[in-house]
Amino acid sequence: MWKIYKKIFFLCMIFLINLHSSPDNKKAVITSCFGAGFFAEFRRILHGIMDITLNGTEGKEVQVDWSADFFPYRNNTGNGWDLFFDPVGYVENKRNISTVHLMHDQTCLNKWLLYDDFYCYRLRINQIINKYIKINKNILDEVDAYYAAYMKNVIRIGVHVRFSAAHGCEKPGALKLKDYFDEIDVLRKKIHKIGKKYVIYLATDSNYVIQEFKKRYKHVLYGDAIRSMYMEEVHLIADKPEYWLTHVEEFHEKKPGYKGGKDVLVDCLLLACCDYLIHTTSNVADFATFFNPQLQSILVPKTIAPHKKMGCAACDVPEKWYLYHDFN
């Protein structure tokens, strides 16, 4: 797995264009990163917005450019951002301070192990999303319709299972599906005692996981998403980036396209509609709690213990800005 991440990191260094200003310094452009997943790209947008609103010297007009040839979540030409979101527009500068305000890394465990302490952090990100990010109405309508049809008036257990080649369960030392089952069973017993009905909303990149959940539980919901049969890499580039660079036509034939991006966005929004979220570390889990800061997190596996130093840049910032309510 580490070899894959090294390849992606190297290629990102080649293709990554960070937030940069236009010649008049009034406009900032944020581009996509080669090989990144949908919510890894979304995270970069929020990083850029936070950089302007909290750490910069002035506001800027922000343009998101997801039009790179190897951006996997668009079908043909055009800016992929426009398929999912409205333009960001002008981002205000609220305060210019010496301490950098950062988002915690995807793999940072502190934000999960100290979940209650990080409520203000989730709330702050939620405020930024609500102010600057407008999801396209057709996507929101789809989420609302699904919720009304299948998830209303019951207790909702959200489960996010990463099972692709890059994150595969059932590898030596990796999570097992049993880790998720154990947590679901604990919740089911609690729900049964209070006489309530429940559903499980399952977001996963593997059809194998869907089938295993259906064998065990009756009330399993899931969207019509692009998934692998077992542990293959659904979004292509993370699996073999060097291959796709030299097989461009095949990449465009097999890439997830708009549907792949919409699938993961809808999954995340429906997870945010749940009462509980059973998950491991991932951008999808992060954003589900950004969309709904009150979402109850259940991190698996239970053997994870707090670490004093996580290798997360935000954890190392002296001013723990996310612990306070003063965001104005």
C-alpha atoms as a PDB file:
ATOM      1  CA  MET A   1       0.000   0.000   0.000  1.00  0.00           C
ATOM      2  CA  TRP A   2       2.845   2.401   0.848  1.00  0.00           C
ATOM      3  CA  LYS A   3       4.293   2.008  -2.649  1.00  0.00           C
ATOM      4  CA  ILE A   4       0.952   3.115  -4.106  1.00  0.00           C
ATOM      5  CA  TYR A   5       0.834   6.208  -1.899  1.00  0.00           C
ATOM      6  CA  LYS A   6       4.443   7.086  -2.806  1.00  0.00           C
ATOM      7  CA  LYS A   7       3.552   6.925  -6.490  1.00  0.00           C
ATOM      8  CA  ILE A   8       0.526   9.141  -5.994  1.00  0.00           C
ATOM      9  CA  PHE A   9       2.539  11.608  -3.936  1.00  0.00           C
ATOM     10  CA  PHE A  10       5.232  11.802  -6.608  1.00  0.00           C
ATOM     11  CA  LEU A  11       2.687  12.324  -9.366  1.00  0.00           C
ATOM     12  CA  CYS A  12       0.877  14.944  -7.308  1.00  0.00           C
ATOM     13  CA  MET A  13       4.139  16.860  -7.085  1.00  0.00           C
ATOM     14  CA  ILE A  14       4.215  16.860 -10.883  1.00  0.00           C
ATOM     15  CA  PHE A  15       0.590  17.766 -11.535  1.00  0.00           C
ATOM     16  CA  LEU A  16      -0.439  19.679  -8.401  1.00  0.00           C
ATOM     17  CA  ILE A  17      -1.023  23.386  -8.805  1.00  0.00           C
ATOM     18  CA  ASN A  18      -1.711  24.942  -5.438  1.00  0.00           C
ATOM     19  CA  LEU A  19      -4.006  27.851  -4.746  1.00  0.00           C
ATOM     20  CA  HIS A  20      -2.547  30.752  -6.674  1.00  0.00           C
ATOM     21  CA  SER A  21      -3.503  34.310  -7.487  1.00  0.00           C
ATOM     22  CA  SER A  22      -4.181  35.965 -10.798  1.00  0.00           C
ATOM     23  CA  PRO A  23      -1.912  38.869 -11.812  1.00  0.00           C
ATOM     24  CA  ASP A  24      -4.201  41.423 -10.171  1.00  0.00           C
ATOM     25  CA  ASN A  25      -4.036  39.432  -6.906  1.00  0.00           C
ATOM     26  CA  LYS A  26      -7.832  39.628  -6.507  1.00  0.00           C
ATOM     27  CA  LYS A  27      -8.622  36.142  -7.797  1.00  0.00           C
ATOM     28  CA  ALA A  28      -7.527  32.731  -6.512  1.00  0.00           C
ATOM     29  CA  VAL A  29      -7.651  29.560  -8.616  1.00  0.00           C
ATOM     30  CA  ILE A  30      -7.731  26.114  -6.999  1.00  0.00           C
ATOM     31  CA  THR A  31      -7.020  23.212  -9.334  1.00  0.00           C
ATOM     32  CA  SER A  32      -7.355  19.445  -8.990  1.00  0.00           C
ATOM     33  CA  CYS A  33      -4.599  17.047  -7.930  1.00  0.00           C
ATOM     34  CA  PHE A  34      -3.671  14.038 -10.040  1.00  0.00           C
ATOM     35  CA  GLY A  35      -4.902  10.828  -8.413  1.00  0.00           C
ATOM     36  CA  ALA A  36      -6.988  12.335  -5.606  1.00  0.00           C
ATOM     37  CA  GLY A  37     -10.449  11.056  -4.669  1.00  0.00           C
ATOM     38  CA  PHE A  38     -13.567  13.211  -4.755  1.00  0.00           C
ATOM     39  CA  PHE A  39     -13.497  14.320  -1.116  1.00  0.00           C
ATOM     40  CA  ALA A  40      -9.711  14.682  -1.124  1.00  0.00           C
ATOM     41  CA  GLU A  41     -10.312  17.271  -3.861  1.00  0.00           C
ATOM     42  CA  PHE A  42     -13.142  18.847  -1.852  1.00  0.00           C
ATOM     43  CA  ARG A  43     -10.831  19.061   1.179  1.00  0.00           C
ATOM     44  CA  ARG A  44      -8.337  21.074  -0.883  1.00  0.00           C
ATOM     45  CA  ILE A  45     -11.068  23.574  -1.752  1.00  0.00           C
ATOM     46  CA  LEU A  46     -11.851  24.101   1.936  1.00  0.00           C
ATOM     47  CA  HIS A  47      -8.137  24.452   2.690  1.00  0.00           C
ATOM     48  CA  GLY A  48      -7.960  27.204   0.109  1.00  0.00           C
ATOM     49  CA  ILE A  49     -11.035  28.994   1.431  1.00  0.00           C
ATOM     50  CA  MET A  50      -9.750  28.807   5.012  1.00  0.00           C
ATOM     51  CA  ASP A  51      -6.402  30.133   3.885  1.00  0.00           C
ATOM     52  CA  ILE A  52      -8.121  33.232   2.518  1.00  0.00           C
ATOM     53  CA  THR A  53     -10.745  33.790   5.188  1.00  0.00           C
ATOM     54  CA  LEU A  54      -8.540  33.239   8.250  1.00  0.00           C
ATOM     55  CA  ASN A  55      -4.884  33.544   7.279  1.00  0.00           C
ATOM     56  CA  GLY A  56      -4.751  35.909   4.321  1.00  0.00           C
ATOM     57  CA  THR A  57      -4.511  39.680   4.158  1.00  0.00           C
ATOM     58  CA  GLU A  58      -7.521  40.287   1.905  1.00  0.00           C
ATOM     59  CA  GLY A  59     -10.527  38.571   0.391  1.00  0.00           C
ATOM     60  CA  LYS A  60     -10.415  36.994  -3.061  1.00  0.00           C
ATOM     61  CA  GLU A  61     -12.695  35.766  -5.801  1.00  0.00           C
ATOM     62  CA  VAL A  62     -12.238  31.973  -5.750  1.00  0.00           C
ATOM     63  CA  GLN A  63     -12.451  29.877  -8.893  1.00  0.00           C
ATOM     64  CA  VAL A  64     -12.307  26.082  -8.709  1.00  0.00           C
ATOM     65  CA  ASP A  65     -10.836  24.469 -11.825  1.00  0.00           C
ATOM     66  CA  TRP A  66     -11.558  20.741 -12.109  1.00  0.00           C
ATOM     67  CA  SER A  67     -10.925  20.603 -15.839  1.00  0.00           C
ATOM     68  CA  ALA A  68      -7.580  18.737 -15.902  1.00  0.00           C
ATOM     69  CA  ASP A  69      -7.448  15.887 -18.403  1.00  0.00           C
ATOM     70  CA  PHE A  70      -7.030  13.240 -15.679  1.00  0.00           C
ATOM     71  CA  PHE A  71      -9.745  14.566 -13.393  1.00  0.00           C
ATOM     72  CA  PRO A  72     -11.833  11.356 -13.122  1.00  0.00           C
ATOM     73  CA  TYR A  73     -15.227  12.799 -12.108  1.00  0.00           C
ATOM     74  CA  ARG A  74     -16.356  14.399 -15.367  1.00  0.00           C
ATOM     75  CA  ASN A  75     -17.411  12.657 -18.544  1.00  0.00           C
ATOM     76  CA  ASN A  76     -15.782  14.694 -21.271  1.00  0.00           C
ATOM     77  CA  THR A  77     -14.762  18.345 -21.379  1.00  0.00           C
ATOM     78  CA  GLY A  78     -15.580  21.279 -19.151  1.00  0.00           C
ATOM     79  CA  ASN A  79     -15.070  22.108 -15.494  1.00  0.00           C
ATOM     80  CA  GLY A  80     -15.975  19.177 -13.240  1.00  0.00           C
ATOM     81  CA  TRP A  81     -16.734  21.530 -10.338  1.00  0.00           C
ATOM     82  CA  ASP A  82     -19.753  22.909 -12.176  1.00  0.00           C
ATOM     83  CA  LEU A  83     -21.302  19.430 -12.365  1.00  0.00           C
ATOM     84  CA  PHE A  84     -21.655  19.275  -8.582  1.00  0.00           C
ATOM     85  CA  PHE A  85     -21.480  22.795  -7.150  1.00  0.00           C
ATOM     86  CA  ASP A  86     -22.239  26.437  -7.877  1.00  0.00           C
ATOM     87  CA  PRO A  87     -19.276  28.824  -8.238  1.00  0.00           C
ATOM     88  CA  VAL A  88     -17.647  29.661  -4.881  1.00  0.00           C
ATOM     89  CA  GLY A  89     -17.516  33.397  -5.522  1.00  0.00           C
ATOM     90  CA  TYR A  90     -15.948  36.015  -3.267  1.00  0.00           C
ATOM     91  CA  VAL A  91     -14.361  34.766  -0.027  1.00  0.00           C
ATOM     92  CA  GLU A  92     -14.038  37.324   2.752  1.00  0.00           C
ATOM     93  CA  ASN A  93     -10.958  37.771   4.876  1.00  0.00           C
ATOM     94  CA  LYS A  94     -12.199  37.708   8.484  1.00  0.00           C
ATOM     95  CA  ARG A  95      -8.982  38.025  10.417  1.00  0.00           C
ATOM     96  CA  ASN A  96      -5.268  37.987   9.723  1.00  0.00           C
ATOM     97  CA  ILE A  97      -3.401  36.191  12.486  1.00  0.00           C
ATOM     98  CA  SER A  98       0.018  34.643  12.823  1.00  0.00           C
ATOM     99  CA  THR A  99      -1.146  31.115  13.679  1.00  0.00           C
ATOM    100  CA  VAL A 100      -2.180  29.107  10.638  1.00  0.00           C
ATOM    101  CA  HIS A 101      -5.678  27.611  10.713  1.00  0.00           C
ATOM    102  CA  LEU A 102      -5.592  24.164   9.168  1.00  0.00           C
ATOM    103  CA  MET A 103      -7.906  21.251   8.578  1.00  0.00           C
ATOM    104  CA  HIS A 104      -6.881  18.068  10.340  1.00  0.00           C
ATOM    105  CA  ASP A 105      -5.424  15.402   8.124  1.00  0.00           C
ATOM    106  CA  GLN A 106      -7.622  12.594   6.804  1.00  0.00           C
ATOM    107  CA  THR A 107      -5.634  10.060   8.846  1.00  0.00           C
ATOM    108  CA  CYS A 108      -5.574  12.138  12.055  1.00  0.00           C
ATOM    109  CA  LEU A 109      -7.057  10.054  14.870  1.00  0.00           C
ATOM    110  CA  ASN A 110      -7.333  12.819  17.465  1.00  0.00           C
ATOM    111  CA  LYS A 111     -10.443  14.281  15.849  1.00  0.00           C
ATOM    112  CA  TRP A 112     -12.150  10.889  16.290  1.00  0.00           C
ATOM    113  CA  LEU A 113     -10.721   9.744  19.615  1.00  0.00           C
ATOM    114  CA  LEU A 114     -11.469  13.151  21.152  1.00  0.00           C
ATOM    115  CA  TYR A 115     -14.658  13.572  19.161  1.00  0.00           C
ATOM    116  CA  ASP A 116     -16.611  15.696  21.644  1.00  0.00           C
ATOM    117  CA  ASP A 117     -13.679  18.090  22.048  1.00  0.00           C
ATOM    118  CA  PHE A 118     -13.621  18.598  18.300  1.00  0.00           C
ATOM    119  CA  TYR A 119     -17.248  19.671  18.004  1.00  0.00           C
ATOM    120  CA  CYS A 120     -16.260  23.318  17.452  1.00  0.00           C
ATOM    121  CA  TYR A 121     -13.859  22.245  14.718  1.00  0.00           C
ATOM    122  CA  ARG A 122     -16.636  20.415  12.870  1.00  0.00           C
ATOM    123  CA  LEU A 123     -18.965  23.341  13.438  1.00  0.00           C
ATOM    124  CA  ARG A 124     -16.461  25.795  11.950  1.00  0.00           C
ATOM    125  CA  ILE A 125     -16.002  23.691   8.811  1.00  0.00           C
ATOM    126  CA  ASN A 126     -19.783  23.336   8.588  1.00  0.00           C
ATOM    127  CA  GLN A 127     -20.125  27.141   8.672  1.00  0.00           C
ATOM    128  CA  ILE A 128     -17.593  27.535   5.864  1.00  0.00           C
ATOM    129  CA  ILE A 129     -19.360  24.927   3.736  1.00  0.00           C
ATOM    130  CA  ASN A 130     -22.760  26.524   4.292  1.00  0.00           C
ATOM    131  CA  LYS A 131     -21.435  29.968   3.410  1.00  0.00           C
ATOM    132  CA  TYR A 132     -19.353  29.200   0.328  1.00  0.00           C
ATOM    133  CA  ILE A 133     -20.315  25.771  -1.031  1.00  0.00           C
ATOM    134  CA  LYS A 134     -23.671  25.350  -2.774  1.00  0.00           C
ATOM    135  CA  ILE A 135     -24.419  21.805  -3.940  1.00  0.00           C
ATOM    136  CA  ASN A 136     -26.379  21.618  -7.174  1.00  0.00           C
ATOM    137  CA  LYS A 137     -30.127  21.434  -6.628  1.00  0.00           C
ATOM    138  CA  ASN A 138     -30.637  18.228  -8.616  1.00  0.00           C
ATOM    139  CA  ILE A 139     -28.247  16.382  -6.291  1.00  0.00           C
ATOM    140  CA  LEU A 140     -29.906  17.766  -3.166  1.00  0.00           C
ATOM    141  CA  ASP A 141     -33.321  16.836  -4.564  1.00  0.00           C
ATOM    142  CA  GLU A 142     -32.125  13.249  -5.076  1.00  0.00           C
ATOM    143  CA  VAL A 143     -30.882  13.066  -1.476  1.00  0.00           C
ATOM    144  CA  ASP A 144     -34.113  14.536  -0.106  1.00  0.00           C
ATOM    145  CA  ALA A 145     -36.247  12.108  -2.116  1.00  0.00           C
ATOM    146  CA  TYR A 146     -34.239   9.081  -0.966  1.00  0.00           C
ATOM    147  CA  TYR A 147     -34.399  10.205   2.650  1.00  0.00           C
ATOM    148  CA  ALA A 148     -38.153  10.751   2.505  1.00  0.00           C
ATOM    149  CA  ALA A 149     -38.760   7.378   0.869  1.00  0.00           C
ATOM    150  CA  TYR A 150     -36.525   5.129   2.991  1.00  0.00           C
ATOM    151  CA  MET A 151     -34.976   6.850   6.020  1.00  0.00           C
ATOM    152  CA  LYS A 152     -37.632   9.042   7.572  1.00  0.00           C
ATOM    153  CA  ASN A 153     -39.111   8.275  11.018  1.00  0.00           C
ATOM    154  CA  VAL A 154     -36.631   5.510  11.874  1.00  0.00           C
ATOM    155  CA  ILE A 155     -33.275   5.382  13.637  1.00  0.00           C
ATOM    156  CA  ARG A 156     -30.570   5.524  10.983  1.00  0.00           C
ATOM    157  CA  ILE A 157     -27.271   3.666  11.343  1.00  0.00           C
ATOM    158  CA  GLY A 158     -24.780   4.916   8.768  1.00  0.00           C
ATOM    159  CA  VAL A 159     -21.846   2.648   7.898  1.00  0.00           C
ATOM    160  CA  HIS A 160     -18.916   3.564   5.665  1.00  0.00           C
ATOM    161  CA  VAL A 161     -16.751   0.621   4.593  1.00  0.00           C
ATOM    162  CA  ARG A 162     -13.645   1.219   2.481  1.00  0.00           C
ATOM    163  CA  PHE A 163     -12.784  -1.982   0.646  1.00  0.00           C
ATOM    164  CA  SER A 164     -10.905  -0.980  -2.517  1.00  0.00           C
ATOM    165  CA  ALA A 165      -7.382  -2.011  -3.408  1.00  0.00           C
ATOM    166  CA  ALA A 166      -5.895   0.989  -1.610  1.00  0.00           C
ATOM    167  CA  HIS A 167      -7.856   0.501   1.628  1.00  0.00           C
ATOM    168  CA  GLY A 168      -8.927  -3.136   1.481  1.00  0.00           C
ATOM    169  CA  CYS A 169     -10.404  -4.856   4.498  1.00  0.00           C
ATOM    170  CA  GLU A 170      -9.391  -8.438   5.230  1.00  0.00           C
ATOM    171  CA  LYS A 171      -5.740  -7.802   4.465  1.00  0.00           C
ATOM    172  CA  PRO A 172      -3.248  -8.768   7.196  1.00  0.00           C
ATOM    173  CA  GLY A 173      -3.612  -6.286  10.050  1.00  0.00           C
ATOM    174  CA  ALA A 174      -6.508  -4.471   8.386  1.00  0.00           C
ATOM    175  CA  LEU A 175     -10.068  -4.008   9.547  1.00  0.00           C
ATOM    176  CA  LYS A 176     -12.461  -6.915   9.205  1.00  0.00           C
ATOM    177  CA  LEU A 177     -16.121  -6.701   8.351  1.00  0.00           C
ATOM    178  CA  LYS A 178     -16.713  -8.229  11.773  1.00  0.00           C
ATOM    179  CA  ASP A 179     -15.463  -4.964  13.327  1.00  0.00           C
ATOM    180  CA  TYR A 180     -18.389  -3.186  11.689  1.00  0.00           C
ATOM    181  CA  PHE A 181     -20.851  -5.983  12.474  1.00  0.00           C
ATOM    182  CA  ASP A 182     -19.958  -5.901  16.163  1.00  0.00           C
ATOM    183  CA  GLU A 183     -20.748  -2.192  16.427  1.00  0.00           C
ATOM    184  CA  ILE A 184     -23.981  -2.537  14.480  1.00  0.00           C
ATOM    185  CA  ASP A 185     -25.106  -5.370  16.758  1.00  0.00           C
ATOM    186  CA  VAL A 186     -24.494  -3.248  19.865  1.00  0.00           C
ATOM    187  CA  LEU A 187     -26.662  -0.479  18.423  1.00  0.00           C
ATOM    188  CA  ARG A 188     -29.373  -2.903  17.318  1.00  0.00           C
ATOM    189  CA  LYS A 189     -29.724  -4.204  20.868  1.00  0.00           C
ATOM    190  CA  LYS A 190     -30.068  -0.665  22.227  1.00  0.00           C
ATOM    191  CA  ILE A 191     -32.641   0.224  19.590  1.00  0.00           C
ATOM    192  CA  HIS A 192     -34.593  -2.975  20.201  1.00  0.00           C
ATOM    193  CA  LYS A 193     -34.827  -2.196  23.924  1.00  0.00           C
ATOM    194  CA  ILE A 194     -36.520   1.139  23.271  1.00  0.00           C
ATOM    195  CA  GLY A 195     -38.910  -0.387  20.739  1.00  0.00           C
ATOM    196  CA  LYS A 196     -37.769   1.630  17.726  1.00  0.00           C
ATOM    197  CA  LYS A 197     -37.282   0.660  14.097  1.00  0.00           C
ATOM    198  CA  TYR A 198     -33.950   1.138  12.357  1.00  0.00           C
ATOM    199  CA  VAL A 199     -32.299   1.043   8.948  1.00  0.00           C
ATOM    200  CA  ILE A 200     -28.653   0.645   7.997  1.00  0.00           C
ATOM    201  CA  TYR A 201     -27.403   2.985   5.291  1.00  0.00           C
ATOM    202  CA  LEU A 202     -24.296   1.378   3.805  1.00  0.00           C
ATOM    203  CA  ALA A 203     -21.800   3.416   1.793  1.00  0.00           C
ATOM    204  CA  THR A 204     -19.072   1.240   0.311  1.00  0.00           C
ATOM    205  CA  ASP A 205     -16.939   0.853  -2.800  1.00  0.00           C
ATOM    206  CA  SER A 206     -17.431  -2.942  -2.978  1.00  0.00           C
ATOM    207  CA  ASN A 207     -20.348  -5.119  -4.105  1.00  0.00           C
ATOM    208  CA  TYR A 208     -18.865  -7.890  -1.977  1.00  0.00           C
ATOM    209  CA  VAL A 209     -19.481  -5.770   1.126  1.00  0.00           C
ATOM    210  CA  ILE A 210     -23.082  -5.149   0.050  1.00  0.00           C
ATOM    211  CA  GLN A 211     -23.713  -8.873  -0.263  1.00  0.00           C
ATOM    212  CA  GLU A 212     -22.105  -9.683   3.094  1.00  0.00           C
ATOM    213  CA  PHE A 213     -24.239  -7.064   4.858  1.00  0.00           C
ATOM    214  CA  LYS A 214     -27.417  -8.337   3.186  1.00  0.00           C
ATOM    215  CA  LYS A 215     -26.673 -11.868   4.365  1.00  0.00           C
ATOM    216  CA  ARG A 216     -26.530 -10.633   7.956  1.00  0.00           C
ATOM    217  CA  TYR A 217     -29.122  -7.826   8.168  1.00  0.00           C
ATOM    218  CA  LYS A 218     -32.623  -7.276   6.790  1.00  0.00           C
ATOM    219  CA  HIS A 219     -32.780  -3.501   6.743  1.00  0.00           C
ATOM    220  CA  VAL A 220     -29.782  -2.539   4.572  1.00  0.00           C
ATOM    221  CA  LEU A 221     -30.039   0.480   2.301  1.00  0.00           C
ATOM    222  CA  TYR A 222     -27.497   1.506  -0.340  1.00  0.00           C
ATOM    223  CA  GLY A 223     -27.402   3.630  -3.439  1.00  0.00           C
ATOM    224  CA  ASP A 224     -26.957   2.649  -7.068  1.00  0.00           C
ATOM    225  CA  ALA A 225     -23.247   3.456  -7.031  1.00  0.00           C
ATOM    226  CA  ILE A 226     -20.240   2.328  -9.060  1.00  0.00           C
ATOM    227  CA  ARG A 227     -18.506  -0.420  -7.054  1.00  0.00           C
ATOM    228  CA  SER A 228     -15.859  -3.079  -7.512  1.00  0.00           C
ATOM    229  CA  MET A 229     -16.672  -6.785  -7.336  1.00  0.00           C
ATOM    230  CA  TYR A 230     -14.213  -7.363  -4.496  1.00  0.00           C
ATOM    231  CA  MET A 231     -11.162  -5.236  -3.623  1.00  0.00           C
ATOM    232  CA  GLU A 232     -10.336  -3.682  -6.987  1.00  0.00           C
ATOM    233  CA  GLU A 233      -9.695   0.055  -7.125  1.00  0.00           C
ATOM    234  CA  VAL A 234     -12.894   1.759  -8.285  1.00  0.00           C
ATOM    235  CA  HIS A 235     -11.388   5.141  -9.073  1.00  0.00           C
ATOM    236  CA  LEU A 236      -8.514   3.754 -11.144  1.00  0.00           C
ATOM    237  CA  ILE A 237      -5.599   6.120 -10.616  1.00  0.00           C
ATOM    238  CA  ALA A 238      -4.910   5.195  -6.985  1.00  0.00           C
ATOM    239  CA  ASP A 239      -4.304   1.600  -8.093  1.00  0.00           C
ATOM    240  CA  LYS A 240      -1.770   2.025 -10.944  1.00  0.00           C
ATOM    241  CA  PRO A 241      -1.119   5.684 -11.782  1.00  0.00           C
ATOM    242  CA  GLU A 242       1.834   5.082 -14.077  1.00  0.00           C
ATOM    243  CA  TYR A 243      -0.244   2.739 -16.251  1.00  0.00           C
ATOM    244  CA  TRP A 244      -3.043   5.263 -16.802  1.00  0.00           C
ATOM    245  CA  LEU A 245      -0.593   7.997 -17.756  1.00  0.00           C
ATOM    246  CA  THR A 246       0.375   5.928 -20.780  1.00  0.00           C
ATOM    247  CA  HIS A 247      -3.122   4.549 -21.510  1.00  0.00           C
ATOM    248  CA  VAL A 248      -5.115   7.747 -21.724  1.00  0.00           C
ATOM    249  CA  GLU A 249      -7.934   6.471 -23.942  1.00  0.00           C
ATOM    250  CA  GLU A 250      -8.514   3.469 -21.682  1.00  0.00           C
ATOM    251  CA  PHE A 251      -8.560   5.755 -18.647  1.00  0.00           C
ATOM    252  CA  HIS A 252     -11.298   7.904 -20.158  1.00  0.00           C
ATOM    253  CA  GLU A 253     -13.251   4.803 -21.119  1.00  0.00           C
ATOM    254  CA  LYS A 254     -13.127   3.309 -17.606  1.00  0.00           C
ATOM    255  CA  LYS A 255     -13.014   6.362 -15.316  1.00  0.00           C
ATOM    256  CA  PRO A 256     -15.978   6.830 -12.922  1.00  0.00           C
ATOM    257  CA  GLY A 257     -17.001  10.123 -14.545  1.00  0.00           C
ATOM    258  CA  TYR A 258     -19.791  12.332 -13.274  1.00  0.00           C
ATOM    259  CA  LYS A 259     -21.732   9.375 -11.877  1.00  0.00           C
ATOM    260  CA  GLY A 260     -18.769   8.294  -9.743  1.00  0.00           C
ATOM    261  CA  GLY A 261     -18.480  11.753  -8.208  1.00  0.00           C
ATOM    262  CA  LYS A 262     -22.223  12.091  -7.684  1.00  0.00           C
ATOM    263  CA  ASP A 263     -22.391   8.611  -6.090  1.00  0.00           C
ATOM    264  CA  VAL A 264     -19.857   9.436  -3.392  1.00  0.00           C
ATOM    265  CA  LEU A 265     -21.345  12.888  -2.757  1.00  0.00           C
ATOM    266  CA  VAL A 266     -24.869  11.456  -2.356  1.00  0.00           C
ATOM    267  CA  ASP A 267     -23.529   8.671  -0.119  1.00  0.00           C
ATOM    268  CA  CYS A 268     -21.801  11.208   2.114  1.00  0.00           C
ATOM    269  CA  LEU A 269     -24.879  13.442   2.355  1.00  0.00           C
ATOM    270  CA  LEU A 270     -27.064  10.455   3.288  1.00  0.00           C
ATOM    271  CA  LEU A 271     -24.521   9.330   5.903  1.00  0.00           C
ATOM    272  CA  ALA A 272     -24.801  12.845   7.328  1.00  0.00           C
ATOM    273  CA  CYS A 273     -28.560  12.284   7.632  1.00  0.00           C
ATOM    274  CA  CYS A 274     -27.990   9.331   9.960  1.00  0.00           C
ATOM    275  CA  ASP A 275     -28.064   9.243  13.757  1.00  0.00           C
ATOM    276  CA  TYR A 276     -24.878   7.164  14.016  1.00  0.00           C
ATOM    277  CA  LEU A 277     -21.848   6.754  11.762  1.00  0.00           C
ATOM    278  CA  ILE A 278     -19.703   3.621  12.028  1.00  0.00           C
ATOM    279  CA  HIS A 279     -16.453   4.227  10.149  1.00  0.00           C
ATOM    280  CA  THR A 280     -12.687   4.247  10.030  1.00  0.00           C
ATOM    281  CA  THR A 281     -10.492   7.196   9.017  1.00  0.00           C
ATOM    282  CA  SER A 282     -11.462   8.622   5.633  1.00  0.00           C
ATOM    283  CA  ASN A 283     -12.382  11.834   3.870  1.00  0.00           C
ATOM    284  CA  VAL A 284     -15.952  10.578   3.455  1.00  0.00           C
ATOM    285  CA  ALA A 285     -16.348  10.143   7.220  1.00  0.00           C
ATOM    286  CA  ASP A 286     -14.781  13.558   7.813  1.00  0.00           C
ATOM    287  CA  PHE A 287     -17.206  15.276   5.476  1.00  0.00           C
ATOM    288  CA  ALA A 288     -20.261  13.442   6.796  1.00  0.00           C
ATOM    289  CA  THR A 289     -19.485  15.019  10.176  1.00  0.00           C
ATOM    290  CA  PHE A 290     -18.787  18.403   8.553  1.00  0.00           C
ATOM    291  CA  PHE A 291     -22.225  18.284   6.934  1.00  0.00           C
ATOM    292  CA  ASN A 292     -23.704  17.247  10.304  1.00  0.00           C
ATOM    293  CA  PRO A 293     -21.476  18.196  13.278  1.00  0.00           C
ATOM    294  CA  GLN A 294     -23.898  16.473  15.717  1.00  0.00           C
ATOM    295  CA  LEU A 295     -23.549  13.084  13.989  1.00  0.00           C
ATOM    296  CA  GLN A 296     -22.578  10.409  16.533  1.00  0.00           C
ATOM    297  CA  SER A 297     -19.260   8.835  15.535  1.00  0.00           C
ATOM    298  CA  ILE A 298     -18.301   5.219  16.209  1.00  0.00           C
ATOM    299  CA  LEU A 299     -14.707   4.638  15.123  1.00  0.00           C
ATOM    300  CA  VAL A 300     -13.481   1.138  14.307  1.00  0.00           C
ATOM    301  CA  PRO A 301     -11.475  -0.765  15.316  1.00  0.00           C
ATOM    302  CA  LYS A 302     -11.914  -0.249  19.047  1.00  0.00           C
ATOM    303  CA  THR A 303      -8.253  -1.094  19.704  1.00  0.00           C
ATOM    304  CA  ILE A 304      -7.111   2.344  18.490  1.00  0.00           C
ATOM    305  CA  ALA A 305      -5.642   4.416  21.319  1.00  0.00           C
ATOM    306  CA  PRO A 306      -4.800   8.144  21.469  1.00  0.00           C
ATOM    307  CA  HIS A 307      -1.336   9.230  20.325  1.00  0.00           C
ATOM    308  CA  LYS A 308       0.570  12.230  21.636  1.00  0.00           C
ATOM    309  CA  LYS A 309       1.970  13.070  18.203  1.00  0.00           C
ATOM    310  CA  MET A 310      -0.101  12.152  15.179  1.00  0.00           C
ATOM    311  CA  GLY A 311       1.967  13.631  12.359  1.00  0.00           C
ATOM    312  CA  CYS A 312      -0.969  15.956  11.659  1.00  0.00           C
ATOM    313  CA  ALA A 313      -0.030  19.586  10.989  1.00  0.00           C
ATOM    314  CA  ALA A 314      -3.201  20.934  12.600  1.00  0.00           C
ATOM    315  CA  CYS A 315      -2.542  18.949  15.791  1.00  0.00           C
ATOM    316  CA  ASP A 316       0.848  20.645  16.075  1.00  0.00           C
ATOM    317  CA  VAL A 317      -0.526  24.207  15.840  1.00  0.00           C
ATOM    318  CA  PRO A 318      -0.080  25.890  19.258  1.00  0.00           C
ATOM    319  CA  GLU A 319      -3.392  27.767  19.149  1.00  0.00           C
ATOM    320  CA  LYS A 320      -6.147  25.157  19.205  1.00  0.00           C
ATOM    321  CA  TRP A 321      -8.562  27.436  17.381  1.00  0.00           C
ATOM    322  CA  TYR A 322     -11.104  24.679  16.816  1.00  0.00           C
ATOM    323  CA  LEU A 323     -11.737  24.316  20.559  1.00  0.00           C
ATOM    324  CA  TYR A 324     -13.472  27.682  20.806  1.00  0.00           C
ATOM    325  CA  HIS A 325     -16.745  29.176  19.574  1.00  0.00           C
ATOM    326  CA  ASP A 326     -15.406  32.594  18.527  1.00  0.00           C
ATOM    327  CA  PHE A 327     -15.329  32.314  14.745  1.00  0.00           C
ATOM    328  CA  ASN A 328     -16.247  35.901  13.920  1.00  0.00           C
END
